Amino acid sequence: MKALLAVIALLCFAPGAPAATPEEDVQRYVAIFRQADAAAHNKAVEELASMGLSDPRIYDPLEKRILAEHKAVEAERAEKDRVARYIRALGFSGQEKYLPTLRSFLGNPVYERYAKDALQQQPDYQRWNPVISSRASFDPQLSDDDNRVMNMLRSDDLMLMRIAAKRVYFAPNDQALAQIAEQVRKRYLQSDPERVDAVAWLVKALGRTIAYDDLLQEVKASAPDRKVRNAADSALRRKR
């Protein structure tokens, strides 16, 4: 439960300073990972999941820490979790250069599942990071973080939209909710077992406002997938 609350807090208070350049974003994380501050490192790794950054200047130091520290900290749960987060972060980089390091943890009883997750996510983030971080459609009226969420929602990639929907659920804003509503209208009648969880998260995010209750009622009544119908029902019941 504590871990879940920590993730929620990180999602709610992810970076939102406006008008940062890509280089400023990179330098901010380089500075964080130079410090010996485990709490700051953990928060930064969670942020990297939706920052769209692939620069090796961020991830090379994490790889070095993984290789230097993973054996020494396995007995210490907090330290083990920190190294596990670094392993996850290598997947967020989208960089193929870290694949040998990630593969070296396959079969490791402590870190294998984190390495597997990172290996699975690496090709996704190779595709996603340029989309997430693109400044081409940034709205100066929105924070950088909200602009990244909007990029995800406009991507036409349901798995990337799922990440965005989780962000909006924990930190809603009107523009993102309007974009989510558009995607829900477009997709909720389609039945696709591999994508149903993403659509359910889009529906769940709409529960953060009463503005789309009519749409939620429509989804609850007509969506072919039970998980999507249940997401709409739960969103509506939470408001009673």
Protein backbone atom coordinates (compact mmCIF):
# COMPACT_ATOMS: atom_id res chain seq x y z
CA MET A 1 0.00 0.00 0.00
CA LYS A 2 2.83 2.40 0.85
CA ALA A 3 4.46 1.69 -2.51
CA LEU A 4 1.21 2.44 -4.34
CA LEU A 5 0.78 5.73 -2.50
CA ALA A 6 4.35 6.67 -3.34
CA VAL A 7 3.75 6.05 -7.05
CA ILE A 8 0.55 8.10 -6.93
CA ALA A 9 2.40 10.98 -5.30
CA LEU A 10 5.10 10.86 -7.95
CA LEU A 11 2.54 10.90 -10.73
CA CYS A 12 0.71 13.85 -9.21
CA PHE A 13 3.79 15.98 -8.65
CA ALA A 14 5.84 15.21 -11.73
CA PRO A 15 7.76 18.12 -13.26
CA GLY A 16 5.61 20.97 -14.53
CA ALA A 17 7.88 24.01 -14.95
CA PRO A 18 6.99 25.73 -18.23
CA ALA A 19 9.30 26.54 -21.15
CA ALA A 20 12.22 24.27 -20.30
CA THR A 21 14.39 23.42 -23.31
CA PRO A 22 15.26 19.76 -24.03
CA GLU A 23 18.81 20.46 -22.91
CA GLU A 24 17.56 21.95 -19.64
CA ASP A 25 15.51 18.81 -19.05
CA VAL A 26 18.57 16.65 -19.63
CA GLN A 27 20.78 18.76 -17.35
CA ARG A 28 18.20 18.64 -14.56
CA TYR A 29 18.34 14.84 -14.48
CA VAL A 30 22.10 14.75 -14.90
CA ALA A 31 22.34 16.96 -11.79
CA ILE A 32 19.89 14.77 -9.83
CA PHE A 33 21.78 11.57 -10.53
CA ARG A 34 25.09 13.17 -9.60
CA GLN A 35 23.78 13.60 -6.06
CA ALA A 36 23.77 10.83 -3.48
CA ASP A 37 20.08 11.29 -2.74
CA ALA A 38 18.18 8.01 -3.06
CA ALA A 39 14.75 9.62 -2.64
CA ALA A 40 15.48 12.13 -5.41
CA HIS A 41 16.75 9.31 -7.63
CA ASN A 42 13.59 7.26 -7.09
CA LYS A 43 11.37 10.22 -7.93
CA ALA A 44 13.41 11.07 -11.01
CA VAL A 45 13.19 7.52 -12.37
CA GLU A 46 9.40 7.57 -12.11
CA GLU A 47 9.36 10.89 -13.97
CA LEU A 48 11.52 9.52 -16.77
CA ALA A 49 8.72 7.14 -17.73
CA SER A 50 6.86 10.07 -19.28
CA MET A 51 9.56 12.65 -20.08
CA GLY A 52 10.52 11.36 -23.53
CA LEU A 53 14.26 11.63 -22.83
CA SER A 54 16.80 9.24 -24.38
CA ASP A 55 20.05 11.13 -23.82
CA PRO A 56 22.86 8.78 -22.65
CA ARG A 57 24.14 11.53 -20.36
CA ILE A 58 21.21 10.66 -18.12
CA TYR A 59 21.33 6.88 -18.41
CA ASP A 60 25.05 6.10 -18.60
CA PRO A 61 25.56 7.01 -14.91
CA LEU A 62 22.61 4.79 -13.98
CA GLU A 63 24.09 1.87 -15.89
CA LYS A 64 27.39 2.37 -14.05
CA ARG A 65 25.58 2.42 -10.71
CA ILE A 66 23.70 -0.77 -11.59
CA LEU A 67 26.88 -2.64 -12.50
CA ALA A 68 28.79 -1.34 -9.48
CA GLU A 69 26.11 -1.69 -6.82
CA HIS A 70 23.69 -4.50 -7.62
CA LYS A 71 25.49 -7.26 -5.72
CA ALA A 72 26.37 -5.16 -2.69
CA VAL A 73 22.82 -3.97 -1.98
CA GLU A 74 20.75 -7.12 -2.48
CA ALA A 75 20.40 -7.64 1.27
CA GLU A 76 19.05 -4.12 1.83
CA ARG A 77 15.48 -3.78 0.59
CA ALA A 78 15.48 -0.02 0.07
CA GLU A 79 18.80 -0.11 -1.73
CA LYS A 80 17.76 -3.12 -3.79
CA ASP A 81 14.60 -1.24 -4.84
CA ARG A 82 16.71 1.75 -5.85
CA VAL A 83 18.88 -0.38 -8.16
CA ALA A 84 15.75 -2.05 -9.53
CA ARG A 85 14.44 1.41 -10.47
CA TYR A 86 17.69 2.15 -12.29
CA ILE A 87 17.21 -1.05 -14.28
CA ARG A 88 13.67 0.01 -15.18
CA ALA A 89 14.99 3.40 -16.26
CA LEU A 90 17.27 1.85 -18.86
CA GLY A 91 14.12 0.67 -20.60
CA PHE A 92 12.69 4.20 -20.53
CA SER A 93 15.77 5.39 -22.45
CA GLY A 94 14.75 3.54 -25.60
CA GLN A 95 18.48 3.03 -26.22
CA GLU A 96 19.70 -0.28 -27.65
CA LYS A 97 23.14 0.28 -26.10
CA TYR A 98 21.81 -0.85 -22.71
CA LEU A 99 20.40 -4.17 -23.92
CA PRO A 100 23.53 -6.23 -22.99
CA THR A 101 23.38 -4.90 -19.42
CA LEU A 102 19.67 -5.64 -19.15
CA ARG A 103 20.11 -9.14 -20.57
CA SER A 104 22.85 -9.83 -18.04
CA PHE A 105 20.17 -9.80 -15.31
CA LEU A 106 18.02 -12.48 -16.93
CA GLY A 107 18.12 -15.40 -14.52
CA ASN A 108 19.01 -13.13 -11.59
CA PRO A 109 16.54 -13.98 -8.79
CA VAL A 110 16.50 -10.40 -7.46
CA TYR A 111 16.43 -8.27 -10.60
CA GLU A 112 15.18 -10.47 -13.44
CA ARG A 113 11.61 -9.19 -13.49
CA TYR A 114 12.80 -5.57 -13.68
CA ALA A 115 15.19 -6.44 -16.49
CA LYS A 116 12.41 -8.24 -18.37
CA ASP A 117 10.14 -5.20 -18.02
CA ALA A 118 12.89 -2.90 -19.27
CA LEU A 119 13.69 -5.18 -22.21
CA GLN A 120 10.03 -5.26 -23.17
CA GLN A 121 9.66 -1.49 -22.86
CA GLN A 122 12.88 -0.46 -24.63
CA PRO A 123 11.56 -0.76 -28.22
CA ASP A 124 8.35 1.01 -27.19
CA TYR A 125 10.26 3.93 -25.72
CA GLN A 126 12.52 4.04 -28.76
CA ARG A 127 9.33 4.88 -30.66
CA TRP A 128 7.62 6.90 -27.97
CA ASN A 129 10.31 9.26 -26.71
CA PRO A 130 10.44 11.47 -29.83
CA VAL A 131 6.63 11.67 -29.72
CA ILE A 132 6.45 12.53 -26.02
CA SER A 133 9.14 15.20 -26.14
CA SER A 134 8.24 16.85 -29.47
CA ARG A 135 7.88 20.62 -29.07
CA ALA A 136 6.11 20.99 -32.44
CA SER A 137 2.63 21.15 -30.93
CA PHE A 138 3.43 22.48 -27.45
CA ASP A 139 0.85 24.97 -26.21
CA PRO A 140 2.54 27.86 -24.34
CA GLN A 141 -0.53 28.11 -22.11
CA LEU A 142 0.15 24.63 -20.71
CA SER A 143 2.97 23.38 -18.53
CA ASP A 144 5.63 21.25 -20.22
CA ASP A 145 4.33 18.20 -18.39
CA ASP A 146 0.76 18.78 -19.60
CA ASN A 147 2.08 19.28 -23.12
CA ARG A 148 3.84 15.94 -22.97
CA VAL A 149 0.61 14.31 -21.85
CA MET A 150 -1.20 15.91 -24.79
CA ASN A 151 1.47 14.58 -27.14
CA MET A 152 0.82 11.08 -25.80
CA LEU A 153 -2.92 11.41 -26.22
CA ARG A 154 -2.57 12.62 -29.82
CA SER A 155 -0.16 9.81 -30.69
CA ASP A 156 -2.74 7.25 -31.89
CA ASP A 157 -0.79 4.65 -29.88
CA LEU A 158 -3.12 3.14 -27.31
CA MET A 159 -0.36 1.89 -25.03
CA LEU A 160 1.14 5.38 -24.87
CA MET A 161 -2.34 6.80 -24.29
CA ARG A 162 -2.66 4.40 -21.35
CA ILE A 163 0.36 6.02 -19.68
CA ALA A 164 -1.14 9.44 -20.33
CA ALA A 165 -4.54 8.39 -18.98
CA LYS A 166 -2.93 7.34 -15.71
CA ARG A 167 -1.22 10.70 -15.48
CA VAL A 168 -4.49 12.52 -16.12
CA TYR A 169 -6.34 10.36 -13.61
CA PHE A 170 -3.97 11.47 -10.85
CA ALA A 171 -3.52 15.06 -12.11
CA PRO A 172 -6.48 16.00 -14.35
CA ASN A 173 -6.65 19.02 -16.63
CA ASP A 174 -9.44 20.14 -18.94
CA GLN A 175 -7.52 19.93 -22.22
CA ALA A 176 -6.33 16.40 -21.59
CA LEU A 177 -9.78 15.25 -20.46
CA ALA A 178 -11.30 16.65 -23.66
CA GLN A 179 -8.73 14.74 -25.72
CA ILE A 180 -9.40 11.56 -23.74
CA ALA A 181 -13.15 11.94 -24.30
CA GLU A 182 -12.49 12.18 -28.04
CA GLN A 183 -10.43 9.00 -27.95
CA VAL A 184 -13.04 7.16 -25.89
CA ARG A 185 -15.80 8.06 -28.37
CA LYS A 186 -13.58 6.80 -31.16
CA ARG A 187 -12.58 3.52 -29.53
CA TYR A 188 -14.97 2.21 -26.89
CA LEU A 189 -17.10 0.19 -29.36
CA GLN A 190 -14.03 -1.64 -30.68
CA SER A 191 -13.28 -4.98 -29.05
CA ASP A 192 -9.56 -5.72 -28.84
CA PRO A 193 -8.35 -7.94 -25.96
CA GLU A 194 -4.79 -6.64 -26.29
CA ARG A 195 -5.87 -3.01 -25.94
CA VAL A 196 -8.83 -3.25 -23.57
CA ASP A 197 -6.81 -2.18 -20.51
CA ALA A 198 -5.71 1.00 -22.28
CA VAL A 199 -9.29 1.91 -23.21
CA ALA A 200 -10.43 1.14 -19.67
CA TRP A 201 -7.84 3.59 -18.32
CA LEU A 202 -9.04 6.27 -20.73
CA VAL A 203 -12.57 5.72 -19.45
CA LYS A 204 -11.40 5.72 -15.84
CA ALA A 205 -9.70 9.09 -16.32
CA LEU A 206 -13.02 10.63 -17.43
CA GLY A 207 -14.36 9.87 -13.98
CA ARG A 208 -12.30 12.77 -12.62
CA THR A 209 -14.97 15.22 -13.79
CA ILE A 210 -18.76 15.28 -14.13
CA ALA A 211 -18.47 16.86 -17.57
CA TYR A 212 -18.44 13.50 -19.36
CA ASP A 213 -21.03 11.58 -17.36
CA ASP A 214 -23.27 11.20 -20.42
CA LEU A 215 -20.40 9.59 -22.29
CA LEU A 216 -19.65 7.32 -19.34
CA GLN A 217 -23.30 6.23 -19.28
CA GLU A 218 -23.07 5.47 -23.00
CA VAL A 219 -19.90 3.43 -22.50
CA LYS A 220 -21.42 1.57 -19.55
CA ALA A 221 -24.44 0.60 -21.66
CA SER A 222 -22.79 -0.21 -24.98
CA ALA A 223 -19.09 -1.12 -24.73
CA PRO A 224 -18.55 -4.73 -25.87
CA ASP A 225 -15.73 -5.36 -23.38
CA ARG A 226 -16.72 -5.97 -19.77
CA LYS A 227 -13.59 -4.32 -18.40
CA VAL A 228 -14.43 -1.10 -20.23
CA ARG A 229 -18.07 -1.21 -19.07
CA ASN A 230 -16.92 -1.82 -15.50
CA ALA A 231 -14.50 1.12 -15.70
CA ALA A 232 -17.35 3.40 -16.73
CA ASP A 233 -19.63 2.03 -14.02
CA SER A 234 -16.96 2.50 -11.34
CA ALA A 235 -16.26 6.04 -12.53
CA LEU A 236 -19.94 6.93 -12.27
CA ARG A 237 -20.43 5.29 -8.87
CA ARG A 238 -17.52 7.16 -7.33
CA LYS A 239 -19.42 10.40 -7.86
CA ARG A 240 -22.54 9.40 -5.97
